[in-house]
């Protein structure tokens, strides 16, 4: 990548130098030619003012100025014959035009020629011709071109150096992004792209980091799903097993003589009821698994949460089970409760964990209360047990098989945190109470 960037920079610099140098070189050659013509015209004019009236018999010897080697200055009479100086013995075309009164400057063969008539009106008594080699301006232009070429080489070198630095600056963030993407591809979800100071690359790095965090969170929730689901299923499967194992015994007793009860009435349980209870438990397990899987894969839901419906559903599902062991379930809902948002699936799982915890580790009446806690919806779940052990973090996740509250409370807190709420122990002993603060609706600030 660095080589491609450097190559592009060098090509751009070379193209810019060429596009600038070629017109400048042509203009330089033309300028040198114009300067040479101007010098010859001044030389011819200076000699013309010194030409005597009689070029054949001058009173004083005619002296011509000293000129550079290769430059000729000659004076011609009215018959186009050279009288003095250097140049062709007989005047050519430009000299004859000058005898007609027309000055001119042109290239003639391999020389630059300037002719100036001497005289006024229709009578031209002499002509001054100055000439120099035509390759003189070219030689001077060649020296200038050499200097320009050296400057162009310096410019290309500076451009290459700057291009190398720019390529490193531009390529380093992209190479870092590619390296981070490669680490993510190999499964290292902790890899993050660093800020480079290049706005465009930083935007890509931020997007890549957000995607990595999102993927890491989804995978973490997917991995936690198996542990959470196994914990939640263990109790339900035990209940189903007990129901199904009790059905044959009940069926056998129903087929024989009915045993008298304490009041003399026969006691027999319909095995079909046990099977129906087991099927209902299986349906509840299916719903629970679907809820946990959806919660593990989906983003937190921000829909309005109807707590009355949620508590009524919990009462329907847990009333019979608590009543079977002689423990009442009471539901209390205050009026004018604050609005709350969240997922009904998450709320159902949180209540199931808290009620299952009260059933397994508590005693007496289980009370669920929905109340207003300083503008926040609070749901309390308490029982009449002796309390929770002091100094123990009951929300800490435990391995399967450990004693204590297992991982159910850890699951409940994780679900509540994901929904933006808070789950805590508001009273440890006696009569332990868990309080679930449900996330509320944020009102827009007044302008």
Protein backbone atom coordinates (compact mmCIF):
# COMPACT_ATOMS: atom_id res chain seq x y z
CA UNK A 1 0.00 0.00 0.00
CA UNK A 2 2.84 2.38 0.83
CA UNK A 3 4.48 1.66 -2.52
CA UNK A 4 1.26 2.40 -4.39
CA UNK A 5 0.81 5.71 -2.58
CA UNK A 6 4.46 6.66 -3.12
CA UNK A 7 4.28 5.73 -6.80
CA UNK A 8 1.16 7.85 -7.25
CA UNK A 9 2.80 10.85 -5.54
CA UNK A 10 5.99 10.57 -7.62
CA UNK A 11 4.00 10.28 -10.86
CA UNK A 12 1.98 13.35 -9.92
CA UNK A 13 5.14 15.35 -9.15
CA UNK A 14 6.83 14.29 -12.40
CA UNK A 15 3.75 15.18 -14.45
CA UNK A 16 3.55 18.58 -12.76
CA UNK A 17 7.26 19.25 -13.41
CA UNK A 18 6.97 18.22 -17.06
CA UNK A 19 3.84 20.26 -17.69
CA UNK A 20 5.53 23.29 -16.14
CA UNK A 21 9.04 22.83 -17.58
CA UNK A 22 8.28 22.21 -21.27
CA UNK A 23 6.44 25.53 -21.90
CA UNK A 24 9.04 27.32 -19.78
CA UNK A 25 11.87 25.83 -21.84
CA UNK A 26 10.27 26.95 -25.12
CA UNK A 27 9.63 30.41 -23.72
CA UNK A 28 13.25 30.61 -22.53
CA UNK A 29 14.61 29.84 -26.02
CA UNK A 30 12.37 32.46 -27.59
CA UNK A 31 13.44 35.01 -25.00
CA UNK A 32 17.13 34.41 -25.68
CA UNK A 33 16.54 34.83 -29.43
CA UNK A 34 14.67 38.07 -28.89
CA UNK A 35 17.44 39.35 -26.62
CA UNK A 36 20.05 38.44 -29.25
CA UNK A 37 18.11 40.29 -31.96
CA UNK A 38 17.76 43.31 -29.69
CA UNK A 39 21.50 43.33 -28.99
CA UNK A 40 22.25 43.18 -32.75
CA UNK A 41 19.80 46.02 -33.45
CA UNK A 42 21.46 48.23 -30.82
CA UNK A 43 24.87 47.38 -32.20
CA UNK A 44 23.78 48.24 -35.78
CA UNK A 45 22.18 51.51 -34.66
CA UNK A 46 25.34 52.51 -32.78
CA UNK A 47 27.49 51.88 -35.84
CA UNK A 48 25.01 53.64 -38.16
CA UNK A 49 25.37 56.97 -36.36
CA UNK A 50 29.15 56.88 -36.93
CA UNK A 51 29.05 56.22 -40.67
CA UNK A 52 30.42 59.33 -42.54
CA UNK A 53 28.64 60.94 -45.43
CA UNK A 54 31.20 59.58 -47.91
CA UNK A 55 31.87 56.01 -46.94
CA UNK A 56 34.52 55.64 -49.66
CA UNK A 57 36.64 58.68 -48.71
CA UNK A 58 36.04 59.38 -45.01
CA UNK A 59 37.95 62.25 -43.40
CA UNK A 60 38.76 60.07 -40.40
CA UNK A 61 39.25 56.33 -40.37
CA UNK A 62 36.02 54.55 -39.42
CA UNK A 63 36.38 52.56 -36.21
CA UNK A 64 33.92 49.75 -35.47
CA UNK A 65 33.19 48.65 -31.90
CA UNK A 66 34.70 45.50 -30.54
CA UNK A 67 32.31 42.55 -30.55
CA UNK A 68 32.33 39.00 -29.33
CA UNK A 69 33.88 36.23 -31.35
CA UNK A 70 31.49 35.08 -34.07
CA UNK A 71 29.65 38.40 -34.26
CA UNK A 72 30.06 40.34 -37.51
CA UNK A 73 29.54 44.04 -38.17
CA UNK A 74 29.88 45.39 -41.72
CA UNK A 75 29.21 48.64 -43.60
CA UNK A 76 27.96 48.44 -47.18
CA UNK A 77 27.79 51.21 -49.79
CA UNK A 78 24.94 52.04 -52.12
CA UNK A 79 26.01 49.26 -54.45
CA UNK A 80 25.78 46.58 -51.69
CA UNK A 81 29.55 46.21 -51.50
CA UNK A 82 31.20 45.80 -48.10
CA UNK A 83 33.34 48.82 -47.34
CA UNK A 84 34.60 47.87 -43.89
CA UNK A 85 33.98 45.42 -41.16
CA UNK A 86 33.21 41.70 -41.38
CA UNK A 87 30.60 39.86 -43.35
CA UNK A 88 29.87 38.82 -46.94
CA UNK A 89 31.74 40.83 -49.59
CA UNK A 90 28.55 41.56 -51.44
CA UNK A 91 25.34 42.26 -49.65
CA UNK A 92 22.57 39.74 -49.91
CA UNK A 93 18.80 40.09 -49.74
CA UNK A 94 18.50 41.97 -46.43
CA UNK A 95 21.15 44.52 -47.50
CA UNK A 96 19.33 45.22 -50.77
CA UNK A 97 16.06 45.69 -48.83
CA UNK A 98 17.87 48.14 -46.56
CA UNK A 99 19.14 50.08 -49.59
CA UNK A 100 15.48 50.51 -50.47
CA UNK A 101 15.00 52.10 -47.05
CA UNK A 102 13.64 49.05 -45.16
CA UNK A 103 15.34 47.83 -41.96
CA UNK A 104 14.90 44.17 -41.11
CA UNK A 105 15.93 41.43 -38.66
CA UNK A 106 15.72 37.76 -39.54
CA UNK A 107 17.47 34.43 -39.53
CA UNK A 108 19.49 33.83 -42.64
CA UNK A 109 20.99 30.35 -42.86
CA UNK A 110 22.91 29.65 -39.69
CA UNK A 111 23.07 33.31 -38.59
CA UNK A 112 20.82 35.95 -37.12
CA UNK A 113 21.00 39.08 -39.27
CA UNK A 114 19.98 42.71 -38.58
CA UNK A 115 20.34 45.46 -41.27
CA UNK A 116 19.88 49.20 -40.72
CA UNK A 117 19.87 51.78 -43.60
CA UNK A 118 22.05 54.90 -43.21
CA UNK A 119 20.51 58.04 -44.66
CA UNK A 120 17.12 59.64 -44.84
CA UNK A 121 14.30 59.89 -47.29
CA UNK A 122 14.81 58.24 -50.64
CA UNK A 123 18.59 58.49 -50.56
CA UNK A 124 20.33 55.70 -48.57
CA UNK A 125 24.08 56.17 -48.71
CA UNK A 126 25.09 53.08 -46.72
CA UNK A 127 23.80 50.02 -44.87
CA UNK A 128 25.03 48.56 -41.55
CA UNK A 129 24.66 44.80 -41.10
CA UNK A 130 25.18 43.01 -37.76
CA UNK A 131 24.95 39.24 -37.45
CA UNK A 132 25.72 36.44 -34.96
CA UNK A 133 25.54 32.63 -34.97
CA UNK A 134 21.96 31.34 -34.75
CA UNK A 135 22.96 28.66 -32.23
CA UNK A 136 24.12 31.21 -29.67
CA UNK A 137 20.67 31.59 -28.02
CA UNK A 138 20.29 27.82 -28.15
CA UNK A 139 23.56 27.32 -26.23
CA UNK A 140 22.51 29.81 -23.57
CA UNK A 141 19.06 28.19 -23.39
CA UNK A 142 20.72 24.77 -23.00
CA UNK A 143 22.57 26.00 -19.91
CA UNK A 144 19.29 27.30 -18.51
CA UNK A 145 17.61 24.01 -19.33
CA UNK A 146 20.33 22.15 -17.47
CA UNK A 147 19.72 24.32 -14.40
CA UNK A 148 15.98 23.75 -14.76
CA UNK A 149 16.57 20.01 -15.04
CA UNK A 150 18.60 20.07 -11.84
CA UNK A 151 15.83 21.99 -10.10
CA UNK A 152 13.29 19.51 -11.47
CA UNK A 153 15.36 16.63 -10.08
CA UNK A 154 15.44 18.37 -6.72
CA UNK A 155 11.67 18.93 -6.92
CA UNK A 156 11.08 15.28 -7.75
CA UNK A 157 13.36 14.24 -4.87
CA UNK A 158 11.54 16.52 -2.44
CA UNK A 159 8.20 15.25 -3.76
CA UNK A 160 9.34 11.65 -3.35
CA UNK A 161 10.47 12.36 0.21
CA UNK A 162 7.21 14.06 1.09
CA UNK A 163 5.34 11.29 -0.70
CA UNK A 164 7.18 8.69 1.36
CA UNK A 165 6.25 10.47 4.58
CA UNK A 166 2.67 10.94 3.43
CA UNK A 167 2.42 7.31 2.34
CA UNK A 168 3.60 6.20 5.76
CA UNK A 169 1.14 8.52 7.46
CA UNK A 170 -1.74 7.38 5.26
CA UNK A 171 -0.84 3.70 5.13
CA UNK A 172 -0.15 3.21 8.84
CA UNK A 173 -3.81 3.70 9.92
CA UNK A 174 -5.05 1.50 7.09
CA UNK A 175 -2.54 -1.21 7.93
CA UNK A 176 -3.59 -0.99 11.58
CA UNK A 177 -7.24 -1.35 10.54
CA UNK A 178 -6.36 -4.35 8.38
CA UNK A 179 -4.44 -5.92 11.29
CA UNK A 180 -7.36 -5.36 13.67
CA UNK A 181 -9.80 -6.82 11.15
CA UNK A 182 -7.52 -9.85 10.79
CA UNK A 183 -7.48 -10.36 14.56
CA UNK A 184 -11.26 -10.17 14.65
CA UNK A 185 -11.42 -12.67 11.81
CA UNK A 186 -9.32 -15.16 13.80
CA UNK A 187 -11.71 -14.87 16.77
CA UNK A 188 -9.90 -12.31 18.94
CA UNK A 189 -12.89 -10.12 19.75
CA UNK A 190 -10.87 -8.05 22.23
CA UNK A 191 -8.93 -6.43 19.38
CA UNK A 192 -9.63 -2.73 18.92
CA UNK A 193 -8.40 -0.20 16.38
CA UNK A 194 -6.49 2.80 17.78
CA UNK A 195 -7.04 6.42 16.83
CA UNK A 196 -4.56 7.72 14.27
CA UNK A 197 -5.45 11.39 13.90
CA UNK A 198 -6.63 10.85 10.32
CA UNK A 199 -10.36 11.72 10.37
CA UNK A 200 -11.44 9.29 7.67
CA UNK A 201 -9.47 6.39 9.15
CA UNK A 202 -10.70 7.26 12.66
CA UNK A 203 -14.30 7.05 11.47
CA UNK A 204 -13.65 3.58 10.04
CA UNK A 205 -11.85 2.58 13.26
CA UNK A 206 -14.79 3.75 15.37
CA UNK A 207 -17.25 1.81 13.22
CA UNK A 208 -15.03 -1.30 13.39
CA UNK A 209 -14.73 -1.00 17.18
CA UNK A 210 -18.48 -0.62 17.56
CA UNK A 211 -19.05 -3.68 15.39
CA UNK A 212 -16.50 -5.68 17.41
CA UNK A 213 -18.15 -4.64 20.68
CA UNK A 214 -21.55 -5.58 19.30
CA UNK A 215 -20.32 -8.99 18.11
CA UNK A 216 -18.53 -9.61 21.41
CA UNK A 217 -21.66 -8.77 23.36
CA UNK A 218 -23.82 -11.02 21.18
CA UNK A 219 -21.39 -13.92 21.54
CA UNK A 220 -21.18 -13.38 25.29
CA UNK A 221 -24.94 -13.49 25.55
CA UNK A 222 -25.09 -16.55 23.29
CA UNK A 223 -22.52 -18.35 25.44
CA UNK A 224 -24.35 -17.40 28.62
CA UNK A 225 -27.60 -18.69 27.15
CA UNK A 226 -26.71 -22.36 27.64
CA UNK A 227 -25.83 -21.86 31.30
CA UNK A 228 -28.87 -19.69 31.98
CA UNK A 229 -31.24 -21.99 30.12
CA UNK A 230 -29.89 -25.10 31.89
CA UNK A 231 -30.41 -23.45 35.26
CA UNK A 232 -33.94 -22.39 34.44
CA UNK A 233 -34.78 -25.78 32.94
CA UNK A 234 -33.46 -27.79 35.87
CA UNK A 235 -36.30 -26.85 38.21
CA UNK A 236 -38.94 -27.23 35.52
CA UNK A 237 -37.62 -30.66 34.49
CA UNK A 238 -37.59 -31.82 38.10
CA UNK A 239 -41.21 -30.75 38.42
CA UNK A 240 -42.18 -32.60 35.25
CA UNK A 241 -40.33 -35.71 36.40
CA UNK A 242 -42.16 -35.70 39.72
CA UNK A 243 -45.49 -35.27 37.96
CA UNK A 244 -44.84 -38.09 35.51
CA UNK A 245 -43.35 -40.43 38.12
CA UNK A 246 -46.34 -39.89 40.38
CA UNK A 247 -48.83 -40.64 37.63
CA UNK A 248 -48.29 -44.48 37.53
CA UNK A 249 -48.57 -44.75 41.30
CA UNK A 250 -51.77 -42.76 41.29
CA UNK A 251 -53.09 -44.91 38.45
CA UNK A 252 -52.30 -48.09 40.41
CA UNK A 253 -54.04 -46.84 43.50
CA UNK A 254 -57.00 -45.71 41.46
CA UNK A 255 -57.31 -49.21 39.96
CA UNK A 256 -57.36 -50.83 43.48
CA UNK A 257 -59.29 -50.01 46.59
CA UNK A 258 -59.34 -46.40 47.50
CA UNK A 259 -57.63 -45.69 50.82
CA UNK A 260 -59.77 -43.85 53.39
CA UNK A 261 -58.65 -40.37 54.28
CA UNK A 262 -58.66 -38.65 57.64
CA UNK A 263 -62.33 -37.79 57.26
CA UNK A 264 -63.24 -41.17 55.86
CA UNK A 265 -63.30 -39.92 52.27
CA UNK A 266 -61.29 -41.74 49.69
CA UNK A 267 -58.11 -40.01 48.46
CA UNK A 268 -57.19 -40.62 44.83
CA UNK A 269 -55.62 -38.39 42.28
CA UNK A 270 -56.51 -38.52 38.64
CA UNK A 271 -53.34 -39.50 36.72
CA UNK A 272 -54.60 -37.50 33.75
CA UNK A 273 -54.32 -34.36 35.85
CA UNK A 274 -50.67 -35.14 36.48
CA UNK A 275 -50.09 -35.61 32.79
CA UNK A 276 -51.85 -32.33 32.01
CA UNK A 277 -49.72 -30.59 34.64
CA UNK A 278 -46.60 -32.08 33.09
CA UNK A 279 -47.64 -30.92 29.63
CA UNK A 280 -48.30 -27.44 31.00
CA UNK A 281 -44.82 -27.46 32.51
CA UNK A 282 -43.38 -28.50 29.16
CA UNK A 283 -45.22 -25.62 27.48
CA UNK A 284 -43.80 -23.26 30.10
CA UNK A 285 -40.32 -24.63 29.45
CA UNK A 286 -40.72 -24.11 25.72
CA UNK A 287 -41.77 -20.50 26.29
CA UNK A 288 -38.87 -19.98 28.68
CA UNK A 289 -36.31 -21.34 26.23
CA UNK A 290 -37.72 -19.18 23.43
CA UNK A 291 -37.60 -16.10 25.69
CA UNK A 292 -34.01 -16.71 26.79
CA UNK A 293 -32.85 -17.35 23.25
CA UNK A 294 -34.53 -14.19 21.99
CA UNK A 295 -33.07 -12.17 24.85
CA UNK A 296 -29.61 -13.55 24.11
CA UNK A 297 -29.78 -12.57 20.44
CA UNK A 298 -31.85 -9.37 20.32
CA UNK A 299 -31.00 -5.85 21.38
CA UNK A 300 -32.80 -4.47 24.48
CA UNK A 301 -36.43 -3.68 23.77
CA UNK A 302 -37.62 -0.17 24.62
CA UNK A 303 -41.39 -0.78 24.38
CA UNK A 304 -43.87 0.29 27.09
CA UNK A 305 -44.11 -2.37 29.82
CA UNK A 306 -47.55 -3.23 31.27
CA UNK A 307 -46.65 -4.34 34.79
CA UNK A 308 -50.23 -5.30 35.70
CA UNK A 309 -50.39 -7.81 32.87
CA UNK A 310 -46.92 -9.07 33.76
CA UNK A 311 -47.87 -9.66 37.43
CA UNK A 312 -51.18 -11.27 36.49
CA UNK A 313 -49.36 -13.72 34.25
CA UNK A 314 -46.87 -14.50 37.05
CA UNK A 315 -49.77 -15.14 39.46
CA UNK A 316 -51.39 -17.51 37.00
CA UNK A 317 -48.19 -19.51 36.58
CA UNK A 318 -47.00 -19.60 40.19
CA UNK A 319 -50.15 -19.60 42.31
CA UNK A 320 -50.79 -23.33 41.99
CA UNK A 321 -47.19 -24.35 42.59
CA UNK A 322 -46.89 -22.26 45.74
CA UNK A 323 -50.32 -23.38 46.95
CA UNK A 324 -49.29 -27.03 46.50
CA UNK A 325 -46.75 -26.58 49.31
CA UNK A 326 -49.09 -24.50 51.45
CA UNK A 327 -47.66 -21.09 50.63
CA UNK A 328 -49.98 -18.29 49.51
CA UNK A 329 -49.07 -15.84 46.72
CA UNK A 330 -50.28 -12.27 47.04
CA UNK A 331 -50.11 -9.64 44.28
CA UNK A 332 -50.49 -5.93 45.15
CA UNK A 333 -50.52 -3.17 42.52
CA UNK A 334 -50.69 0.47 43.59
CA UNK A 335 -52.60 3.05 41.58
CA UNK A 336 -51.02 5.68 39.30
CA UNK A 337 -47.81 3.77 38.72
CA UNK A 338 -44.99 5.48 36.76
CA UNK A 339 -44.58 4.56 33.13
CA UNK A 340 -41.92 1.96 32.41
CA UNK A 341 -40.25 0.49 29.34
CA UNK A 342 -38.65 -2.87 28.73
CA UNK A 343 -39.13 -6.35 27.38
CA UNK A 344 -42.04 -8.46 28.64
CA UNK A 345 -39.94 -11.56 28.00
CA UNK A 346 -37.15 -10.25 30.23
CA UNK A 347 -39.65 -9.22 32.91
CA UNK A 348 -41.24 -12.67 32.85
CA UNK A 349 -37.85 -14.34 33.36
CA UNK A 350 -36.89 -11.94 36.18
CA UNK A 351 -40.13 -12.64 38.07
CA UNK A 352 -39.74 -16.38 37.51
CA UNK A 353 -36.24 -16.31 39.02
CA UNK A 354 -37.34 -14.27 42.05
CA UNK A 355 -40.44 -16.43 42.68
CA UNK A 356 -38.47 -19.65 42.21
CA UNK A 357 -35.87 -18.34 44.65
CA UNK A 358 -38.61 -17.56 47.20
CA UNK A 359 -40.10 -21.04 46.71
CA UNK A 360 -36.77 -22.84 47.09
CA UNK A 361 -35.11 -20.81 49.85
CA UNK A 362 -37.91 -18.90 51.59
CA UNK A 363 -41.00 -19.71 53.59
CA UNK A 364 -44.49 -18.46 54.31
CA UNK A 365 -46.46 -16.08 52.16
CA UNK A 366 -44.83 -14.69 49.02
CA UNK A 367 -45.84 -11.09 48.29
CA UNK A 368 -45.25 -9.25 45.01
CA UNK A 369 -45.87 -5.47 45.13
CA UNK A 370 -45.73 -2.92 42.32
CA UNK A 371 -45.26 0.60 43.70
CA UNK A 372 -44.03 4.10 42.94
CA UNK A 373 -40.50 4.65 44.25
CA UNK A 374 -39.82 8.38 43.82
CA UNK A 375 -41.08 8.43 40.25
CA UNK A 376 -39.62 5.03 39.33
CA UNK A 377 -41.62 1.81 39.01
CA UNK A 378 -40.46 -0.66 41.68
CA UNK A 379 -41.49 -4.33 41.95
CA UNK A 380 -40.84 -5.98 45.35
CA UNK A 381 -40.75 -9.75 45.86
CA UNK A 382 -40.57 -10.84 49.51
CA UNK A 383 -41.36 -13.85 51.66
CA UNK A 384 -41.49 -14.67 55.38
CA UNK A 385 -38.23 -16.58 55.53
CA UNK A 386 -35.46 -15.98 58.09
CA UNK A 387 -33.36 -13.96 55.67
CA UNK A 388 -30.25 -14.00 53.54
CA UNK A 389 -26.74 -14.70 54.86
CA UNK A 390 -24.74 -11.59 55.66
CA UNK A 391 -21.63 -10.78 53.67
CA UNK A 392 -22.55 -13.05 50.74
CA UNK A 393 -22.97 -11.72 47.21
CA UNK A 394 -26.04 -13.68 46.23
CA UNK A 395 -25.93 -12.22 42.70
CA UNK A 396 -22.51 -13.76 41.96
CA UNK A 397 -22.65 -16.38 39.23
CA UNK A 398 -21.88 -19.89 40.50
CA UNK A 399 -21.00 -23.09 38.72
CA UNK A 400 -23.65 -25.71 38.23
CA UNK A 401 -23.78 -27.98 41.27
CA UNK A 402 -22.61 -25.37 43.81
CA UNK A 403 -24.75 -24.82 46.88
CA UNK A 404 -26.65 -21.61 47.43
CA UNK A 405 -28.81 -19.61 45.07
CA UNK A 406 -27.12 -20.91 41.87
CA UNK A 407 -26.99 -18.70 38.81
CA UNK A 408 -30.66 -17.70 38.69
CA UNK A 409 -30.18 -14.40 40.52
CA UNK A 410 -27.11 -13.66 38.39
CA UNK A 411 -29.26 -14.21 35.30
CA UNK A 412 -31.99 -11.97 36.68
CA UNK A 413 -29.57 -9.14 37.42
CA UNK A 414 -27.99 -9.51 33.97
CA UNK A 415 -31.41 -9.23 32.30
CA UNK A 416 -32.36 -6.22 34.41
CA UNK A 417 -29.04 -4.45 33.69
CA UNK A 418 -29.47 -5.10 29.97
CA UNK A 419 -32.94 -3.54 30.09
CA UNK A 420 -31.55 -0.46 31.82
CA UNK A 421 -33.00 -1.17 35.27
CA UNK A 422 -31.58 -2.27 38.61
CA UNK A 423 -32.06 -5.35 40.78
CA UNK A 424 -31.02 -5.27 44.44
CA UNK A 425 -31.70 -6.68 47.90
CA UNK A 426 -33.65 -4.00 49.74
CA UNK A 427 -33.93 -6.10 52.93
CA UNK A 428 -31.84 -9.10 53.95
CA UNK A 429 -33.48 -10.26 57.17
CA UNK A 430 -35.96 -11.00 58.40
CA UNK A 431 -38.43 -11.47 55.57
CA UNK A 432 -35.94 -10.92 52.71
CA UNK A 433 -37.07 -8.61 49.96
CA UNK A 434 -35.77 -8.17 46.40
CA UNK A 435 -36.53 -4.87 44.61
CA UNK A 436 -36.57 -4.51 40.85
CA UNK A 437 -36.36 -0.90 39.66
CA UNK A 438 -37.74 -0.84 36.12
CA UNK A 439 -36.32 1.56 33.53
CA UNK A 440 -38.59 4.55 32.94
CA UNK A 441 -39.43 6.71 29.92
CA UNK A 442 -37.03 9.64 29.56
CA UNK A 443 -38.83 12.89 28.92
CA UNK A 444 -37.35 15.36 26.47
CA UNK A 445 -36.02 18.53 28.14
CA UNK A 446 -38.07 21.68 27.78
CA UNK A 447 -36.67 24.23 25.32
